[in-house]
């Protein structure tokens, strides 16, 4: 068991080192040799977990679509908002998530592996469709259209915000919702939504605290 846990930790360390490398250098300029130097591991140690740069990139992209921190809410629309806010909070703090975006906008990586944007659009469409069925969206709103446009807008906000050191992604995404929601959500539903930029931090902290309490039962 201890050996298995060590292997899991080592794999994670390699993946995060690769993510930081992709973020800094881009896909094409990154190499396994650079990764070995950065992670301070042997070539055999790296190849035990990942046999190529392509496999590393795929592993990063496999983690792109995540619902960590998301919990059921009275309003399905709140869950949709929460998903975007959680990602906005996590991306600047988690190299693997930010690297998944970097690989998606990298022309070489995109031609090899595609992107996970269709997956995010599908997740958003499902949430918005259920929200509309519950009467949480205006009658004219097309869930698939809003999902597609929001994913594109979110990505654009993230790419711009990371170049502006005085801006916070959570605040920017909160501002994006403040602009978008009034045109697609009835006023009575809008009044019940929490789009505050600090909401995601609280949701994530609660989820991780619950996970630890389950993983480590009291003695």
Protein backbone atom coordinates (compact mmCIF):
# COMPACT_ATOMS: atom_id res chain seq x y z
CA UNK A 1 0.00 0.00 0.00
CA UNK A 2 2.81 2.42 0.91
CA UNK A 3 4.52 1.69 -2.42
CA UNK A 4 1.31 2.31 -4.31
CA UNK A 5 0.75 5.63 -2.53
CA UNK A 6 4.32 6.66 -3.28
CA UNK A 7 3.81 5.83 -6.95
CA UNK A 8 0.64 7.93 -7.02
CA UNK A 9 2.46 10.88 -5.44
CA UNK A 10 5.36 10.52 -7.87
CA UNK A 11 3.03 10.42 -10.86
CA UNK A 12 1.29 13.53 -9.60
CA UNK A 13 4.57 15.37 -9.10
CA UNK A 14 5.64 14.51 -12.65
CA UNK A 15 2.31 15.65 -14.07
CA UNK A 16 2.44 18.97 -12.21
CA UNK A 17 6.05 19.55 -13.30
CA UNK A 18 5.02 18.84 -16.90
CA UNK A 19 2.08 21.23 -16.55
CA UNK A 20 4.36 24.03 -15.33
CA UNK A 21 6.68 23.31 -18.25
CA UNK A 22 3.82 23.46 -20.78
CA UNK A 23 2.60 26.70 -19.20
CA UNK A 24 6.02 28.31 -19.42
CA UNK A 25 7.35 26.98 -22.73
CA UNK A 26 4.36 25.78 -24.70
CA UNK A 27 3.94 22.27 -26.05
CA UNK A 28 6.40 22.23 -28.94
CA UNK A 29 9.37 23.64 -27.01
CA UNK A 30 8.88 21.28 -24.06
CA UNK A 31 10.87 18.05 -23.87
CA UNK A 32 11.11 15.02 -21.62
CA UNK A 33 14.73 15.98 -20.92
CA UNK A 34 13.62 19.34 -19.52
CA UNK A 35 11.00 17.62 -17.43
CA UNK A 36 13.54 15.21 -15.92
CA UNK A 37 15.73 18.14 -14.96
CA UNK A 38 12.83 20.11 -13.46
CA UNK A 39 11.31 17.18 -11.55
CA UNK A 40 14.73 15.96 -10.40
CA UNK A 41 13.88 12.37 -11.27
CA UNK A 42 15.67 9.68 -13.22
CA UNK A 43 14.70 9.03 -16.81
CA UNK A 44 13.50 5.59 -15.75
CA UNK A 45 11.36 7.13 -13.01
CA UNK A 46 9.61 9.41 -15.50
CA UNK A 47 9.20 6.74 -18.19
CA UNK A 48 7.69 4.36 -15.65
CA UNK A 49 4.66 6.68 -15.52
CA UNK A 50 4.77 8.49 -18.88
CA UNK A 51 6.47 7.15 -21.97
CA UNK A 52 6.27 10.31 -24.09
CA UNK A 53 5.54 14.03 -24.13
CA UNK A 54 2.32 13.22 -25.96
CA UNK A 55 1.18 10.98 -23.13
CA UNK A 56 1.92 13.75 -20.64
CA UNK A 57 -0.15 16.23 -22.62
CA UNK A 58 -3.06 13.80 -22.83
CA UNK A 59 -2.88 13.23 -19.07
CA UNK A 60 -3.05 16.98 -18.47
CA UNK A 61 -6.05 17.34 -20.78
CA UNK A 62 -7.76 14.38 -19.10
CA UNK A 63 -8.00 16.49 -15.94
CA UNK A 64 -9.40 19.56 -17.67
CA UNK A 65 -13.08 18.86 -17.00
CA UNK A 66 -13.52 18.80 -13.23
CA UNK A 67 -16.41 19.35 -10.84
CA UNK A 68 -14.39 19.44 -7.64
CA UNK A 69 -16.12 21.66 -5.09
CA UNK A 70 -19.48 21.55 -6.87
CA UNK A 71 -22.39 20.55 -4.62
CA UNK A 72 -26.14 20.38 -5.29
CA UNK A 73 -28.01 23.67 -4.93
CA UNK A 74 -31.68 24.64 -4.75
CA UNK A 75 -31.23 26.37 -8.10
CA UNK A 76 -29.64 24.39 -10.93
CA UNK A 77 -28.51 27.73 -12.35
CA UNK A 78 -26.48 28.31 -9.19
CA UNK A 79 -24.61 25.09 -9.89
CA UNK A 80 -23.81 26.36 -13.39
CA UNK A 81 -22.48 29.62 -11.95
CA UNK A 82 -20.57 27.75 -9.24
CA UNK A 83 -18.84 25.54 -11.81
CA UNK A 84 -17.48 28.59 -13.64
CA UNK A 85 -16.48 30.34 -10.40
CA UNK A 86 -14.74 27.22 -9.06
CA UNK A 87 -12.70 26.90 -12.22
CA UNK A 88 -11.82 30.60 -12.08
CA UNK A 89 -10.54 30.16 -8.53
CA UNK A 90 -8.62 26.95 -9.22
CA UNK A 91 -6.95 27.68 -12.58
CA UNK A 92 -4.45 30.30 -11.28
CA UNK A 93 -3.58 28.00 -8.38
CA UNK A 94 -3.39 24.60 -10.10
CA UNK A 95 -0.79 24.20 -12.87
CA UNK A 96 -2.48 21.16 -14.41
CA UNK A 97 -5.72 23.08 -15.01
CA UNK A 98 -3.99 26.14 -16.42
CA UNK A 99 -1.86 23.89 -18.64
CA UNK A 100 -4.99 22.23 -20.03
CA UNK A 101 -6.07 25.66 -21.29
CA UNK A 102 -2.61 26.46 -22.61
CA UNK A 103 -2.54 23.20 -24.56
CA UNK A 104 -6.01 23.93 -25.94
CA UNK A 105 -4.93 27.26 -27.41
CA UNK A 106 -1.54 25.93 -28.60
CA UNK A 107 -1.99 25.26 -32.33
CA UNK A 108 0.37 22.27 -32.40
CA UNK A 109 -1.12 20.60 -29.32
CA UNK A 110 -4.66 21.31 -30.50
CA UNK A 111 -3.98 19.66 -33.85
CA UNK A 112 -2.70 16.56 -32.06
CA UNK A 113 -5.10 16.22 -29.14
CA UNK A 114 -8.05 18.48 -29.77
CA UNK A 115 -9.51 20.40 -26.83
CA UNK A 116 -11.85 19.78 -23.91
CA UNK A 117 -14.07 22.75 -24.76
CA UNK A 118 -16.75 20.49 -26.30
CA UNK A 119 -16.86 18.60 -22.98
CA UNK A 120 -17.28 21.83 -21.01
CA UNK A 121 -20.01 22.94 -23.41
CA UNK A 122 -21.81 19.62 -22.92
CA UNK A 123 -21.62 19.88 -19.12
CA UNK A 124 -22.90 23.46 -19.23
CA UNK A 125 -25.68 22.59 -21.66
CA UNK A 126 -26.93 19.82 -19.37
CA UNK A 127 -27.04 22.15 -16.36
CA UNK A 128 -28.71 24.95 -18.30
CA UNK A 129 -31.25 22.60 -19.88
CA UNK A 130 -32.33 21.41 -16.46
CA UNK A 131 -32.38 25.01 -15.23
CA UNK A 132 -34.70 25.98 -18.09
CA UNK A 133 -36.99 23.05 -17.37
CA UNK A 134 -37.29 24.38 -13.82
CA UNK A 135 -38.17 27.86 -15.05
CA UNK A 136 -34.83 29.39 -14.05
CA UNK A 137 -34.10 30.81 -17.53
CA UNK A 138 -36.09 33.17 -19.74
CA UNK A 139 -38.33 31.39 -22.24
CA UNK A 140 -36.33 32.54 -25.29
CA UNK A 141 -32.96 31.25 -24.03
CA UNK A 142 -31.30 28.37 -25.90
CA UNK A 143 -29.24 26.42 -23.30
CA UNK A 144 -26.77 25.10 -25.90
CA UNK A 145 -26.16 28.58 -27.29
CA UNK A 146 -25.58 30.13 -23.86
CA UNK A 147 -23.30 27.24 -22.89
CA UNK A 148 -21.20 27.66 -26.03
CA UNK A 149 -20.92 31.43 -25.70
CA UNK A 150 -20.13 31.34 -22.00
CA UNK A 151 -17.35 28.77 -22.45
CA UNK A 152 -15.84 30.99 -25.14
CA UNK A 153 -16.22 34.14 -23.04
CA UNK A 154 -14.80 32.44 -19.94
CA UNK A 155 -11.76 31.26 -21.89
CA UNK A 156 -11.18 34.71 -23.36
CA UNK A 157 -11.44 36.34 -19.94
CA UNK A 158 -8.92 33.84 -18.54
CA UNK A 159 -6.39 34.38 -21.34
CA UNK A 160 -6.57 38.16 -20.99
CA UNK A 161 -6.57 38.18 -17.19
CA UNK A 162 -3.41 36.10 -16.91
CA UNK A 163 -1.53 38.86 -18.75
CA UNK A 164 -2.77 41.53 -16.34
CA UNK A 165 -1.00 41.19 -12.98
CA UNK A 166 -3.41 43.54 -11.20
CA UNK A 167 -6.55 41.56 -12.11
CA UNK A 168 -8.04 38.50 -10.40
CA UNK A 169 -9.74 35.82 -12.50
CA UNK A 170 -12.44 35.12 -9.91
CA UNK A 171 -13.40 38.78 -9.86
CA UNK A 172 -13.39 39.00 -13.64
CA UNK A 173 -15.63 35.94 -14.06
CA UNK A 174 -17.97 37.32 -11.40
CA UNK A 175 -18.14 40.54 -13.42
CA UNK A 176 -18.84 38.52 -16.58
CA UNK A 177 -21.85 36.90 -14.91
CA UNK A 178 -23.07 40.30 -13.71
CA UNK A 179 -23.20 41.38 -17.36
CA UNK A 180 -24.63 38.18 -18.86
CA UNK A 181 -27.20 36.91 -16.36
CA UNK A 182 -29.73 39.78 -16.47
CA UNK A 183 -30.39 39.07 -20.16
CA UNK A 184 -31.06 35.34 -19.68
CA UNK A 185 -32.46 34.98 -16.13
CA UNK A 186 -35.81 36.17 -14.75
CA UNK A 187 -35.49 38.89 -12.14
CA UNK A 188 -36.86 36.74 -9.30
CA UNK A 189 -34.29 34.00 -9.99
CA UNK A 190 -31.47 36.49 -10.49
CA UNK A 191 -32.10 37.91 -7.02
CA UNK A 192 -31.42 34.47 -5.49
CA UNK A 193 -28.11 33.81 -7.27
CA UNK A 194 -24.75 34.28 -5.56
CA UNK A 195 -22.11 35.30 -8.10
CA UNK A 196 -19.64 36.77 -5.59
CA UNK A 197 -16.00 36.23 -6.45
CA UNK A 198 -15.18 34.69 -3.05
CA UNK A 199 -17.93 32.03 -3.21
CA UNK A 200 -15.75 29.41 -4.93
CA UNK A 201 -13.04 29.58 -2.28
CA UNK A 202 -15.58 28.76 0.42
CA UNK A 203 -17.15 25.95 -1.61
CA UNK A 204 -13.80 24.36 -2.33
CA UNK A 205 -12.58 24.65 1.26
CA UNK A 206 -15.75 22.99 2.54
CA UNK A 207 -15.51 20.17 -0.01
CA UNK A 208 -11.86 19.46 0.79
CA UNK A 209 -12.53 19.58 4.52
CA UNK A 210 -15.33 17.04 4.15
CA UNK A 211 -13.09 14.82 2.04
CA UNK A 212 -10.34 14.86 4.67
CA UNK A 213 -12.75 14.02 7.48
CA UNK A 214 -13.95 11.00 5.51
CA UNK A 215 -10.45 9.88 4.52
CA UNK A 216 -9.04 10.18 8.03
CA UNK A 217 -11.57 8.90 10.58
CA UNK A 218 -11.13 10.22 14.13
CA UNK A 219 -9.08 8.03 16.45
